[in-house]
């Protein structure tokens, strides 16, 4: 698979929310939420909603679910 920067015409895809288990402390402004797909505790960052809208993504899910949706096995 060739990785390329996202183009302005690209649509779809999922924003990866970091898993709390991988970074239990988080960062200032991050909020613990449950993944809407699997319920795993993850971090919602203040800029996430704006990125989803500006990049025309399908939404935000935990990293495991985003990889699963992309066809990778986790």
Protein backbone atom coordinates (compact mmCIF):
# COMPACT_ATOMS: atom_id res chain seq x y z
CA UNK A 1 0.00 0.00 0.00
CA UNK A 2 1.34 3.44 -0.92
CA UNK A 3 0.80 6.18 1.68
CA UNK A 4 0.02 9.65 0.40
CA UNK A 5 -1.13 12.88 2.05
CA UNK A 6 -4.89 13.35 2.07
CA UNK A 7 -6.19 15.39 -0.87
CA UNK A 8 -8.92 18.03 -0.62
CA UNK A 9 -11.14 15.79 -2.79
CA UNK A 10 -10.76 12.70 -0.56
CA UNK A 11 -13.85 11.64 1.39
CA UNK A 12 -14.49 9.09 4.11
CA UNK A 13 -12.17 7.44 6.58
CA UNK A 14 -12.01 7.51 10.35
CA UNK A 15 -10.20 9.67 12.85
CA UNK A 16 -8.24 7.53 15.34
CA UNK A 17 -8.79 8.40 18.98
CA UNK A 18 -5.86 7.28 21.18
CA UNK A 19 -6.61 4.44 23.56
CA UNK A 20 -6.45 5.28 27.28
CA UNK A 21 -4.62 1.99 27.88
CA UNK A 22 -1.76 3.25 25.67
CA UNK A 23 -1.57 6.68 27.31
CA UNK A 24 -3.26 6.62 30.71
CA UNK A 25 -2.26 10.20 31.59
CA UNK A 26 -3.54 11.85 28.42
CA UNK A 27 -2.71 15.48 27.74
CA UNK A 28 -4.22 18.79 28.84
CA UNK A 29 -7.65 19.27 27.27
CA UNK A 30 -8.16 15.60 26.42
CA UNK A 31 -11.38 13.99 27.66
CA UNK A 32 -12.01 10.30 28.34
CA UNK A 33 -14.87 8.96 26.18
CA UNK A 34 -16.06 5.55 25.05
CA UNK A 35 -15.52 4.49 21.44
CA UNK A 36 -18.92 4.66 19.68
CA UNK A 37 -18.19 1.30 17.99
CA UNK A 38 -16.76 -0.97 20.70
CA UNK A 39 -17.03 1.00 23.95
CA UNK A 40 -13.29 0.98 24.71
CA UNK A 41 -12.11 3.94 26.77
CA UNK A 42 -10.21 6.40 24.57
CA UNK A 43 -9.16 10.05 24.45
CA UNK A 44 -11.17 12.71 22.65
CA UNK A 45 -8.98 15.66 21.77
CA UNK A 46 -10.35 19.23 21.51
CA UNK A 47 -9.58 19.44 17.77
CA UNK A 48 -11.21 16.10 16.82
CA UNK A 49 -14.64 17.46 15.84
CA UNK A 50 -13.11 20.12 13.60
CA UNK A 51 -10.80 17.61 11.91
CA UNK A 52 -13.69 15.22 11.19
CA UNK A 53 -15.69 18.00 9.57
CA UNK A 54 -12.85 19.71 7.68
CA UNK A 55 -11.46 16.44 6.32
CA UNK A 56 -14.89 14.99 5.43
CA UNK A 57 -14.31 11.91 7.59
CA UNK A 58 -16.99 9.40 8.58
CA UNK A 59 -16.38 10.03 12.28
CA UNK A 60 -14.03 9.26 15.15
CA UNK A 61 -13.44 5.82 16.66
CA UNK A 62 -10.72 4.22 18.77
CA UNK A 63 -7.51 3.22 17.03
CA UNK A 64 -8.44 -0.50 17.08
CA UNK A 65 -11.79 0.12 15.36
CA UNK A 66 -10.26 2.49 12.80
CA UNK A 67 -7.70 -0.16 11.81
CA UNK A 68 -10.43 -2.80 11.68
CA UNK A 69 -12.53 -0.57 9.40
CA UNK A 70 -9.52 -0.07 7.14
CA UNK A 71 -9.29 -3.83 6.69
CA UNK A 72 -6.35 -4.49 9.01
CA UNK A 73 -6.63 -7.10 11.73
CA UNK A 74 -6.12 -5.98 15.32
